[in-house]
Amino acid sequence: MPREAHLLNYLRQLQNRGETHVMLDEEARRILRTYFRRGRKGSAKSGARATAPTVPSPAPAPPPADPAKVLTGSGTPAEQLAALRTQADHWEPARSLGSLRDTMVFATGNPEADLMLVGEAPGYEEERRREPFVGKAGQKLDQILEAMGFHREDVYISNICKFRPALKNQTTNNRKPTRDEMDACLPFVRAEIAIVKPKCIVALGATAAEGLLNRQDPVGRLRGSWHEFEDIPVRVTYHPSYLLHNDAAVGEKRKVWDDMLSVMEFLKLPISEKQRRFFSGK
């Protein structure tokens, strides 16, 4: 189907939901201007050729709406991700579930990063600030990245589920996303990977691993080896919140650090002897 038809179907979906406005970036405006000029030229040519009035034909029935598709567009990785963010905000397969909250939380970081980290879903703080990993677990993740030699802006950070899973009378409490909720958002994770093209992915926690690898094994069984998602190597480790709950357990910290050392080795990053001894008790 031509790109114009995909765009019209997407706009019809928004209109059917009662939307009256849509955010446009500069790339989208440029494309729409091209369609407008093309349409005006076609109308002018048709008018010049007309010599006699014609009986209007019955309007054809509108084609059935295509299943929702993620459109990545063109432009730089940053521009493509900006367009993807706009589409995710209006993603009907996720919103129609009725089990997710309204605020969409996309991703953050370097759109051309070598390392991508994927968590499970936004929590209270992430929903409030519309950015993944900004609460206490995010602070712990920042510490891990710093120990690896990264700043938060150097990597790409996302979640399997783009909306906070809802609970009755919800305040600051959270729950993990269901399989249906993950599947509804997974097309965006695939699109993000296709745009960013990371050299490897770290799945943070069992839920992220389940979403990416379609396996329900505990992290302890999945960590310590490489897996694949969309032909990209994946390393599974514990979610930073797990370390918060086991803050005094040096052995658990060492397991996470061993996983990060494997990632650093894969990316051919320099590793000092001091880094190798972190949490080793030596």
C-alpha atoms as a PDB file:
ATOM      1  CA  MET A   1       0.000   0.000   0.000  1.00  0.00           C
ATOM      2  CA  PRO A   2       1.361   3.495  -0.875  1.00  0.00           C
ATOM      3  CA  ARG A   3       2.674   5.626   1.964  1.00  0.00           C
ATOM      4  CA  GLU A   4      -0.168   8.127   1.430  1.00  0.00           C
ATOM      5  CA  ALA A   5      -2.754   5.402   2.101  1.00  0.00           C
ATOM      6  CA  HIS A   6      -0.992   4.363   5.317  1.00  0.00           C
ATOM      7  CA  LEU A   7      -1.003   7.988   6.446  1.00  0.00           C
ATOM      8  CA  LEU A   8      -4.716   8.396   5.684  1.00  0.00           C
ATOM      9  CA  ASN A   9      -5.565   5.192   7.567  1.00  0.00           C
ATOM     10  CA  TYR A  10      -3.571   6.404  10.575  1.00  0.00           C
ATOM     11  CA  LEU A  11      -5.333   9.790  10.533  1.00  0.00           C
ATOM     12  CA  ARG A  12      -8.738   8.089  10.239  1.00  0.00           C
ATOM     13  CA  GLN A  13      -7.908   6.012  13.334  1.00  0.00           C
ATOM     14  CA  LEU A  14      -7.134   9.199  15.269  1.00  0.00           C
ATOM     15  CA  GLN A  15     -10.323  10.857  13.998  1.00  0.00           C
ATOM     16  CA  ASN A  16     -12.441   7.864  15.018  1.00  0.00           C
ATOM     17  CA  ARG A  17     -11.023   8.198  18.543  1.00  0.00           C
ATOM     18  CA  GLY A  18     -12.150  11.818  18.676  1.00  0.00           C
ATOM     19  CA  GLU A  19      -8.717  13.360  18.135  1.00  0.00           C
ATOM     20  CA  THR A  20      -8.803  16.799  16.488  1.00  0.00           C
ATOM     21  CA  HIS A  21      -5.106  17.677  16.491  1.00  0.00           C
ATOM     22  CA  VAL A  22      -1.858  15.830  15.842  1.00  0.00           C
ATOM     23  CA  MET A  23       1.699  16.943  16.595  1.00  0.00           C
ATOM     24  CA  LEU A  24       3.943  17.297  13.524  1.00  0.00           C
ATOM     25  CA  ASP A  25       7.702  17.528  13.353  1.00  0.00           C
ATOM     26  CA  GLU A  26       9.461  19.363  10.512  1.00  0.00           C
ATOM     27  CA  GLU A  27       9.899  16.148   8.487  1.00  0.00           C
ATOM     28  CA  ALA A  28       6.164  15.422   8.663  1.00  0.00           C
ATOM     29  CA  ARG A  29       5.349  19.006   7.595  1.00  0.00           C
ATOM     30  CA  ARG A  30       7.664  18.688   4.605  1.00  0.00           C
ATOM     31  CA  ILE A  31       5.998  15.444   3.483  1.00  0.00           C
ATOM     32  CA  LEU A  32       2.510  16.919   3.859  1.00  0.00           C
ATOM     33  CA  ARG A  33       3.494  19.989   1.827  1.00  0.00           C
ATOM     34  CA  THR A  34       4.700  17.654  -0.935  1.00  0.00           C
ATOM     35  CA  TYR A  35       1.348  15.811  -0.950  1.00  0.00           C
ATOM     36  CA  PHE A  36      -0.525  19.149  -1.023  1.00  0.00           C
ATOM     37  CA  ARG A  37       1.415  20.479  -4.011  1.00  0.00           C
ATOM     38  CA  ARG A  38       1.006  17.167  -5.844  1.00  0.00           C
ATOM     39  CA  GLY A  39      -2.735  17.257  -5.243  1.00  0.00           C
ATOM     40  CA  ARG A  40      -3.051  20.852  -6.514  1.00  0.00           C
ATOM     41  CA  LYS A  41      -1.158  20.041  -9.706  1.00  0.00           C
ATOM     42  CA  GLY A  42      -3.389  17.031 -10.323  1.00  0.00           C
ATOM     43  CA  SER A  43      -6.526  19.139  -9.810  1.00  0.00           C
ATOM     44  CA  ALA A  44      -5.299  21.859 -12.180  1.00  0.00           C
ATOM     45  CA  LYS A  45      -4.563  19.360 -14.942  1.00  0.00           C
ATOM     46  CA  SER A  46      -7.949  17.709 -14.538  1.00  0.00           C
ATOM     47  CA  GLY A  47      -9.691  21.117 -14.749  1.00  0.00           C
ATOM     48  CA  ALA A  48      -7.824  22.087 -17.925  1.00  0.00           C
ATOM     49  CA  ARG A  49      -8.841  18.885 -19.701  1.00  0.00           C
ATOM     50  CA  ALA A  50     -12.519  19.137 -18.767  1.00  0.00           C
ATOM     51  CA  THR A  51     -14.729  20.060 -21.768  1.00  0.00           C
ATOM     52  CA  ALA A  52     -18.174  18.961 -20.684  1.00  0.00           C
ATOM     53  CA  PRO A  53     -19.935  18.334 -17.401  1.00  0.00           C
ATOM     54  CA  THR A  54     -19.882  14.751 -16.298  1.00  0.00           C
ATOM     55  CA  VAL A  55     -22.256  12.816 -14.137  1.00  0.00           C
ATOM     56  CA  PRO A  56     -20.508  12.146 -10.824  1.00  0.00           C
ATOM     57  CA  SER A  57     -19.936   8.500 -10.055  1.00  0.00           C
ATOM     58  CA  PRO A  58     -21.058   7.113  -6.732  1.00  0.00           C
ATOM     59  CA  ALA A  59     -18.360   7.521  -4.135  1.00  0.00           C
ATOM     60  CA  PRO A  60     -16.536   4.227  -3.626  1.00  0.00           C
ATOM     61  CA  ALA A  61     -16.828   2.590  -0.249  1.00  0.00           C
ATOM     62  CA  PRO A  62     -13.801   3.345   1.935  1.00  0.00           C
ATOM     63  CA  PRO A  63     -11.319   0.475   2.030  1.00  0.00           C
ATOM     64  CA  PRO A  64     -11.200  -1.563   5.216  1.00  0.00           C
ATOM     65  CA  ALA A  65      -8.708  -0.149   7.678  1.00  0.00           C
ATOM     66  CA  ASP A  66      -5.380  -1.933   7.731  1.00  0.00           C
ATOM     67  CA  PRO A  67      -4.158  -3.390  11.000  1.00  0.00           C
ATOM     68  CA  ALA A  68      -2.158  -0.759  12.857  1.00  0.00           C
ATOM     69  CA  LYS A  69       1.381  -0.556  11.565  1.00  0.00           C
ATOM     70  CA  VAL A  70       4.421   1.217  12.925  1.00  0.00           C
ATOM     71  CA  LEU A  71       5.762   3.668  10.327  1.00  0.00           C
ATOM     72  CA  THR A  72       9.397   4.606  10.879  1.00  0.00           C
ATOM     73  CA  GLY A  73       9.578   7.269   8.156  1.00  0.00           C
ATOM     74  CA  SER A  74      12.870   8.740   6.967  1.00  0.00           C
ATOM     75  CA  GLY A  75      15.486  11.222   8.105  1.00  0.00           C
ATOM     76  CA  THR A  76      18.177  11.000  10.764  1.00  0.00           C
ATOM     77  CA  PRO A  77      17.822   8.468  13.605  1.00  0.00           C
ATOM     78  CA  ALA A  78      16.802  11.310  15.929  1.00  0.00           C
ATOM     79  CA  GLU A  79      14.106  12.463  13.480  1.00  0.00           C
ATOM     80  CA  GLN A  80      12.819   8.922  12.981  1.00  0.00           C
ATOM     81  CA  LEU A  81      12.605   8.375  16.737  1.00  0.00           C
ATOM     82  CA  ALA A  82      10.740  11.670  17.170  1.00  0.00           C
ATOM     83  CA  ALA A  83       8.158  10.534  14.612  1.00  0.00           C
ATOM     84  CA  LEU A  84       7.987   7.135  16.303  1.00  0.00           C
ATOM     85  CA  ARG A  85       7.346   8.802  19.663  1.00  0.00           C
ATOM     86  CA  THR A  86       4.376  10.704  18.198  1.00  0.00           C
ATOM     87  CA  GLN A  87       2.907   7.515  16.773  1.00  0.00           C
ATOM     88  CA  ALA A  88       3.419   5.636  20.047  1.00  0.00           C
ATOM     89  CA  ASP A  89       1.445   8.302  21.885  1.00  0.00           C
ATOM     90  CA  HIS A  90      -1.623   7.438  19.789  1.00  0.00           C
ATOM     91  CA  TRP A  91      -1.010   3.677  19.493  1.00  0.00           C
ATOM     92  CA  GLU A  92      -4.456   2.091  19.362  1.00  0.00           C
ATOM     93  CA  PRO A  93      -3.394  -1.550  20.028  1.00  0.00           C
ATOM     94  CA  ALA A  94      -2.041  -0.461  23.438  1.00  0.00           C
ATOM     95  CA  ARG A  95      -4.713   2.095  24.335  1.00  0.00           C
ATOM     96  CA  SER A  96      -7.580  -0.203  23.350  1.00  0.00           C
ATOM     97  CA  LEU A  97      -6.520  -2.809  25.941  1.00  0.00           C
ATOM     98  CA  GLY A  98      -8.006  -0.648  28.692  1.00  0.00           C
ATOM     99  CA  SER A  99      -5.427  -1.932  31.193  1.00  0.00           C
ATOM    100  CA  LEU A 100      -2.744   0.723  30.729  1.00  0.00           C
ATOM    101  CA  ARG A 101      -2.643   4.295  31.972  1.00  0.00           C
ATOM    102  CA  ASP A 102      -2.898   7.257  29.594  1.00  0.00           C
ATOM    103  CA  THR A 103       0.606   8.740  29.690  1.00  0.00           C
ATOM    104  CA  MET A 104       3.018   7.301  27.141  1.00  0.00           C
ATOM    105  CA  VAL A 105       6.667   7.142  28.243  1.00  0.00           C
ATOM    106  CA  PHE A 106       8.999   6.641  25.300  1.00  0.00           C
ATOM    107  CA  ALA A 107      12.787   6.283  25.438  1.00  0.00           C
ATOM    108  CA  THR A 108      15.820   8.438  26.146  1.00  0.00           C
ATOM    109  CA  GLY A 109      19.469   8.648  25.224  1.00  0.00           C
ATOM    110  CA  ASN A 110      21.719   8.495  22.188  1.00  0.00           C
ATOM    111  CA  PRO A 111      19.797   7.644  18.970  1.00  0.00           C
ATOM    112  CA  GLU A 112      22.973   6.090  17.535  1.00  0.00           C
ATOM    113  CA  ALA A 113      24.193   4.278  20.666  1.00  0.00           C
ATOM    114  CA  ASP A 114      26.217   1.067  20.600  1.00  0.00           C
ATOM    115  CA  LEU A 115      24.478  -0.075  23.798  1.00  0.00           C
ATOM    116  CA  MET A 116      20.711  -0.278  24.312  1.00  0.00           C
ATOM    117  CA  LEU A 117      19.151  -1.127  27.688  1.00  0.00           C
ATOM    118  CA  VAL A 118      15.553  -2.337  27.950  1.00  0.00           C
ATOM    119  CA  GLY A 119      13.477  -2.402  31.130  1.00  0.00           C
ATOM    120  CA  GLU A 120       9.913  -3.521  31.756  1.00  0.00           C
ATOM    121  CA  ALA A 121       7.551  -0.508  32.037  1.00  0.00           C
ATOM    122  CA  PRO A 122       7.393   3.026  33.429  1.00  0.00           C
ATOM    123  CA  GLY A 123       6.580   3.441  37.112  1.00  0.00           C
ATOM    124  CA  TYR A 124       5.198   6.366  39.074  1.00  0.00           C
ATOM    125  CA  GLU A 125       8.250   8.635  38.692  1.00  0.00           C
ATOM    126  CA  GLU A 126       8.750   7.717  35.043  1.00  0.00           C
ATOM    127  CA  GLU A 127       5.120   8.480  34.248  1.00  0.00           C
ATOM    128  CA  ARG A 128       5.320  11.808  36.077  1.00  0.00           C
ATOM    129  CA  ARG A 129       8.465  12.897  34.214  1.00  0.00           C
ATOM    130  CA  ARG A 130       7.749  11.029  30.952  1.00  0.00           C
ATOM    131  CA  GLU A 131      11.220   9.475  30.858  1.00  0.00           C
ATOM    132  CA  PRO A 132      12.321   5.891  31.606  1.00  0.00           C
ATOM    133  CA  PHE A 133      14.499   5.020  34.606  1.00  0.00           C
ATOM    134  CA  VAL A 134      14.375   8.296  36.531  1.00  0.00           C
ATOM    135  CA  GLY A 135      13.341   6.970  39.965  1.00  0.00           C
ATOM    136  CA  LYS A 136      15.533   5.144  42.471  1.00  0.00           C
ATOM    137  CA  ALA A 137      16.072   2.250  40.064  1.00  0.00           C
ATOM    138  CA  GLY A 138      17.152   4.782  37.450  1.00  0.00           C
ATOM    139  CA  GLN A 139      19.673   6.282  39.851  1.00  0.00           C
ATOM    140  CA  LYS A 140      21.090   2.809  40.438  1.00  0.00           C
ATOM    141  CA  LEU A 141      21.278   2.252  36.677  1.00  0.00           C
ATOM    142  CA  ASP A 142      23.146   5.549  36.291  1.00  0.00           C
ATOM    143  CA  GLN A 143      25.691   4.322  38.859  1.00  0.00           C
ATOM    144  CA  ILE A 144      26.182   1.079  36.922  1.00  0.00           C
ATOM    145  CA  LEU A 145      26.650   2.978  33.664  1.00  0.00           C
ATOM    146  CA  GLU A 146      29.131   5.343  35.299  1.00  0.00           C
ATOM    147  CA  ALA A 147      31.154   2.383  36.579  1.00  0.00           C
ATOM    148  CA  MET A 148      31.264   1.110  32.979  1.00  0.00           C
ATOM    149  CA  GLY A 149      32.544   4.482  31.761  1.00  0.00           C
ATOM    150  CA  PHE A 150      29.251   5.667  30.260  1.00  0.00           C
ATOM    151  CA  HIS A 151      27.073   8.680  30.838  1.00  0.00           C
ATOM    152  CA  ARG A 152      23.322   8.228  30.570  1.00  0.00           C
ATOM    153  CA  GLU A 153      23.378  10.272  27.340  1.00  0.00           C
ATOM    154  CA  ASP A 154      25.825   7.802  25.742  1.00  0.00           C
ATOM    155  CA  VAL A 155      23.408   4.857  25.700  1.00  0.00           C
ATOM    156  CA  TYR A 156      19.806   4.297  24.588  1.00  0.00           C
ATOM    157  CA  ILE A 157      17.309   3.419  27.337  1.00  0.00           C
ATOM    158  CA  SER A 158      13.817   2.078  26.667  1.00  0.00           C
ATOM    159  CA  ASN A 159      11.096  -0.191  28.069  1.00  0.00           C
ATOM    160  CA  ILE A 160       9.206  -3.192  26.725  1.00  0.00           C
ATOM    161  CA  CYS A 161       5.906  -1.506  27.645  1.00  0.00           C
ATOM    162  CA  LYS A 162       5.486   2.188  26.833  1.00  0.00           C
ATOM    163  CA  PHE A 163       2.650   2.847  29.305  1.00  0.00           C
ATOM    164  CA  ARG A 164       2.422   2.338  33.058  1.00  0.00           C
ATOM    165  CA  PRO A 165       0.273  -0.747  33.799  1.00  0.00           C
ATOM    166  CA  ALA A 166      -2.869   0.339  35.638  1.00  0.00           C
ATOM    167  CA  LEU A 167      -4.148  -0.785  39.034  1.00  0.00           C
ATOM    168  CA  LYS A 168      -7.364  -0.016  40.872  1.00  0.00           C
ATOM    169  CA  ASN A 169      -7.008   3.032  43.163  1.00  0.00           C
ATOM    170  CA  GLN A 170      -3.424   3.396  41.951  1.00  0.00           C
ATOM    171  CA  THR A 171      -1.078   5.898  43.576  1.00  0.00           C
ATOM    172  CA  THR A 172       2.654   5.139  43.585  1.00  0.00           C
ATOM    173  CA  ASN A 173       2.244   1.359  43.394  1.00  0.00           C
ATOM    174  CA  ASN A 174       3.171  -0.479  40.211  1.00  0.00           C
ATOM    175  CA  ARG A 175       2.746  -3.860  38.591  1.00  0.00           C
ATOM    176  CA  LYS A 176       4.608  -5.599  35.798  1.00  0.00           C
ATOM    177  CA  PRO A 177       3.005  -5.617  32.329  1.00  0.00           C
ATOM    178  CA  THR A 178       1.100  -8.632  31.049  1.00  0.00           C
ATOM    179  CA  ARG A 179       2.100 -10.516  27.911  1.00  0.00           C
ATOM    180  CA  ASP A 180      -0.678  -8.764  25.941  1.00  0.00           C
ATOM    181  CA  GLU A 181       0.527  -5.368  27.141  1.00  0.00           C
ATOM    182  CA  MET A 182       4.094  -6.172  26.135  1.00  0.00           C
ATOM    183  CA  ASP A 183       3.020  -7.505  22.740  1.00  0.00           C
ATOM    184  CA  ALA A 184       1.015  -4.331  22.056  1.00  0.00           C
ATOM    185  CA  CYS A 185       4.154  -2.213  22.507  1.00  0.00           C
ATOM    186  CA  LEU A 186       6.755  -4.613  21.100  1.00  0.00           C
ATOM    187  CA  PRO A 187       6.455  -3.231  17.523  1.00  0.00           C
ATOM    188  CA  PHE A 188       7.937   0.012  18.846  1.00  0.00           C
ATOM    189  CA  VAL A 189      10.860  -1.780  20.490  1.00  0.00           C
ATOM    190  CA  ARG A 190      11.556  -3.498  17.165  1.00  0.00           C
ATOM    191  CA  ALA A 191      11.355  -0.162  15.348  1.00  0.00           C
ATOM    192  CA  GLU A 192      13.665   1.486  17.898  1.00  0.00           C
ATOM    193  CA  ILE A 193      16.230  -1.273  17.421  1.00  0.00           C
ATOM    194  CA  ALA A 194      15.999  -0.932  13.629  1.00  0.00           C
ATOM    195  CA  ILE A 195      16.609   2.826  13.898  1.00  0.00           C
ATOM    196  CA  VAL A 196      19.287   2.916  16.623  1.00  0.00           C
ATOM    197  CA  LYS A 197      21.099  -0.222  15.410  1.00  0.00           C
ATOM    198  CA  PRO A 198      22.820  -0.989  18.738  1.00  0.00           C
ATOM    199  CA  LYS A 199      25.690  -3.455  18.796  1.00  0.00           C
ATOM    200  CA  CYS A 200      24.125  -5.210  21.792  1.00  0.00           C
ATOM    201  CA  ILE A 201      21.136  -5.013  24.140  1.00  0.00           C
ATOM    202  CA  VAL A 202      20.924  -5.493  27.904  1.00  0.00           C
ATOM    203  CA  ALA A 203      17.582  -6.856  29.138  1.00  0.00           C
ATOM    204  CA  LEU A 204      17.064  -5.534  32.660  1.00  0.00           C
ATOM    205  CA  GLY A 205      15.037  -8.084  34.593  1.00  0.00           C
ATOM    206  CA  ALA A 206      12.822 -11.083  33.906  1.00  0.00           C
ATOM    207  CA  THR A 207       9.980  -9.082  32.343  1.00  0.00           C
ATOM    208  CA  ALA A 208      12.243  -7.427  29.776  1.00  0.00           C
ATOM    209  CA  ALA A 209      13.794 -10.817  29.023  1.00  0.00           C
ATOM    210  CA  GLU A 210      10.345 -12.362  28.569  1.00  0.00           C
ATOM    211  CA  GLY A 211       9.312  -9.578  26.200  1.00  0.00           C
ATOM    212  CA  LEU A 212      12.456  -9.785  24.077  1.00  0.00           C
ATOM    213  CA  LEU A 213      13.200 -13.505  24.182  1.00  0.00           C
ATOM    214  CA  ASN A 214       9.687 -14.901  24.728  1.00  0.00           C
ATOM    215  CA  ARG A 215      10.998 -16.950  27.660  1.00  0.00           C
ATOM    216  CA  GLN A 216       9.668 -17.061  31.200  1.00  0.00           C
ATOM    217  CA  ASP A 217      12.825 -18.395  32.812  1.00  0.00           C
ATOM    218  CA  PRO A 218      14.176 -16.607  35.891  1.00  0.00           C
ATOM    219  CA  VAL A 219      17.036 -14.185  35.388  1.00  0.00           C
ATOM    220  CA  GLY A 220      19.398 -16.529  37.206  1.00  0.00           C
ATOM    221  CA  ARG A 221      18.903 -19.086  34.453  1.00  0.00           C
ATOM    222  CA  LEU A 222      19.160 -16.611  31.555  1.00  0.00           C
ATOM    223  CA  ARG A 223      22.131 -14.532  32.649  1.00  0.00           C
ATOM    224  CA  GLY A 224      25.717 -15.573  31.990  1.00  0.00           C
ATOM    225  CA  SER A 225      25.299 -16.205  28.256  1.00  0.00           C
ATOM    226  CA  TRP A 226      24.342 -14.363  25.087  1.00  0.00           C
ATOM    227  CA  HIS A 227      20.912 -14.524  23.447  1.00  0.00           C
ATOM    228  CA  GLU A 228      19.496 -12.808  20.344  1.00  0.00           C
ATOM    229  CA  PHE A 229      16.615 -10.518  19.444  1.00  0.00           C
ATOM    230  CA  GLU A 230      16.185  -9.256  15.877  1.00  0.00           C
ATOM    231  CA  ASP A 231      19.734 -10.567  15.185  1.00  0.00           C
ATOM    232  CA  ILE A 232      21.161  -8.326  17.941  1.00  0.00           C
ATOM    233  CA  PRO A 233      23.101  -9.973  20.819  1.00  0.00           C
ATOM    234  CA  VAL A 234      21.213  -9.718  24.129  1.00  0.00           C
ATOM    235  CA  ARG A 235      22.622 -10.037  27.645  1.00  0.00           C
ATOM    236  CA  VAL A 236      20.155 -10.586  30.504  1.00  0.00           C
ATOM    237  CA  THR A 237      20.829  -9.269  33.997  1.00  0.00           C
ATOM    238  CA  TYR A 238      18.903  -8.290  37.109  1.00  0.00           C
ATOM    239  CA  HIS A 239      16.778  -5.152  37.137  1.00  0.00           C
ATOM    240  CA  PRO A 240      18.340  -2.276  39.130  1.00  0.00           C
ATOM    241  CA  SER A 241      15.377  -2.416  41.538  1.00  0.00           C
ATOM    242  CA  TYR A 242      16.508  -5.943  42.474  1.00  0.00           C
ATOM    243  CA  LEU A 243      19.777  -4.454  43.709  1.00  0.00           C
ATOM    244  CA  LEU A 244      17.866  -1.858  45.734  1.00  0.00           C
ATOM    245  CA  HIS A 245      16.001  -4.656  47.514  1.00  0.00           C
ATOM    246  CA  ASN A 246      19.279  -6.534  48.065  1.00  0.00           C
ATOM    247  CA  ASP A 247      21.499  -3.538  48.736  1.00  0.00           C
ATOM    248  CA  ALA A 248      23.745  -5.311  51.232  1.00  0.00           C
ATOM    249  CA  ALA A 249      24.214  -8.430  49.093  1.00  0.00           C
ATOM    250  CA  VAL A 250      27.639  -7.938  47.524  1.00  0.00           C
ATOM    251  CA  GLY A 251      27.320 -11.274  45.728  1.00  0.00           C
ATOM    252  CA  GLU A 252      24.221 -10.102  43.843  1.00  0.00           C
ATOM    253  CA  LYS A 253      25.948  -6.875  42.842  1.00  0.00           C
ATOM    254  CA  ARG A 254      28.884  -8.912  41.570  1.00  0.00           C
ATOM    255  CA  LYS A 255      26.552 -10.974  39.350  1.00  0.00           C
ATOM    256  CA  VAL A 256      25.239  -7.822  37.701  1.00  0.00           C
ATOM    257  CA  TRP A 257      28.760  -6.474  37.360  1.00  0.00           C
ATOM    258  CA  ASP A 258      29.954  -9.707  35.733  1.00  0.00           C
ATOM    259  CA  ASP A 259      27.182  -9.263  33.161  1.00  0.00           C
ATOM    260  CA  MET A 260      28.274  -5.667  32.547  1.00  0.00           C
ATOM    261  CA  LEU A 261      31.906  -6.744  32.180  1.00  0.00           C
ATOM    262  CA  SER A 262      30.779  -9.191  29.489  1.00  0.00           C
ATOM    263  CA  VAL A 263      29.006  -6.334  27.712  1.00  0.00           C
ATOM    264  CA  MET A 264      32.113  -4.148  27.961  1.00  0.00           C
ATOM    265  CA  GLU A 265      34.261  -6.946  26.551  1.00  0.00           C
ATOM    266  CA  PHE A 266      31.794  -7.468  23.700  1.00  0.00           C
ATOM    267  CA  LEU A 267      31.915  -3.745  22.877  1.00  0.00           C
ATOM    268  CA  LYS A 268      35.729  -3.827  23.138  1.00  0.00           C
ATOM    269  CA  LEU A 269      35.754  -1.157  25.833  1.00  0.00           C
ATOM    270  CA  PRO A 270      38.843  -0.659  28.014  1.00  0.00           C
ATOM    271  CA  ILE A 271      38.566  -2.436  31.380  1.00  0.00           C
ATOM    272  CA  SER A 272      40.937  -1.604  34.216  1.00  0.00           C
ATOM    273  CA  GLU A 273      42.022  -4.042  36.897  1.00  0.00           C
ATOM    274  CA  LYS A 274      40.131  -1.909  39.390  1.00  0.00           C
ATOM    275  CA  GLN A 275      36.940  -2.355  37.378  1.00  0.00           C
ATOM    276  CA  ARG A 276      37.465  -6.099  37.167  1.00  0.00           C
ATOM    277  CA  ARG A 277      37.717  -6.292  40.967  1.00  0.00           C
ATOM    278  CA  PHE A 278      34.497  -4.360  41.713  1.00  0.00           C
ATOM    279  CA  PHE A 279      32.367  -6.267  44.284  1.00  0.00           C
ATOM    280  CA  SER A 280      34.823  -9.178  44.277  1.00  0.00           C
ATOM    281  CA  GLY A 281      35.753  -8.769  47.937  1.00  0.00           C
ATOM    282  CA  LYS A 282      39.427  -8.447  47.005  1.00  0.00           C
END
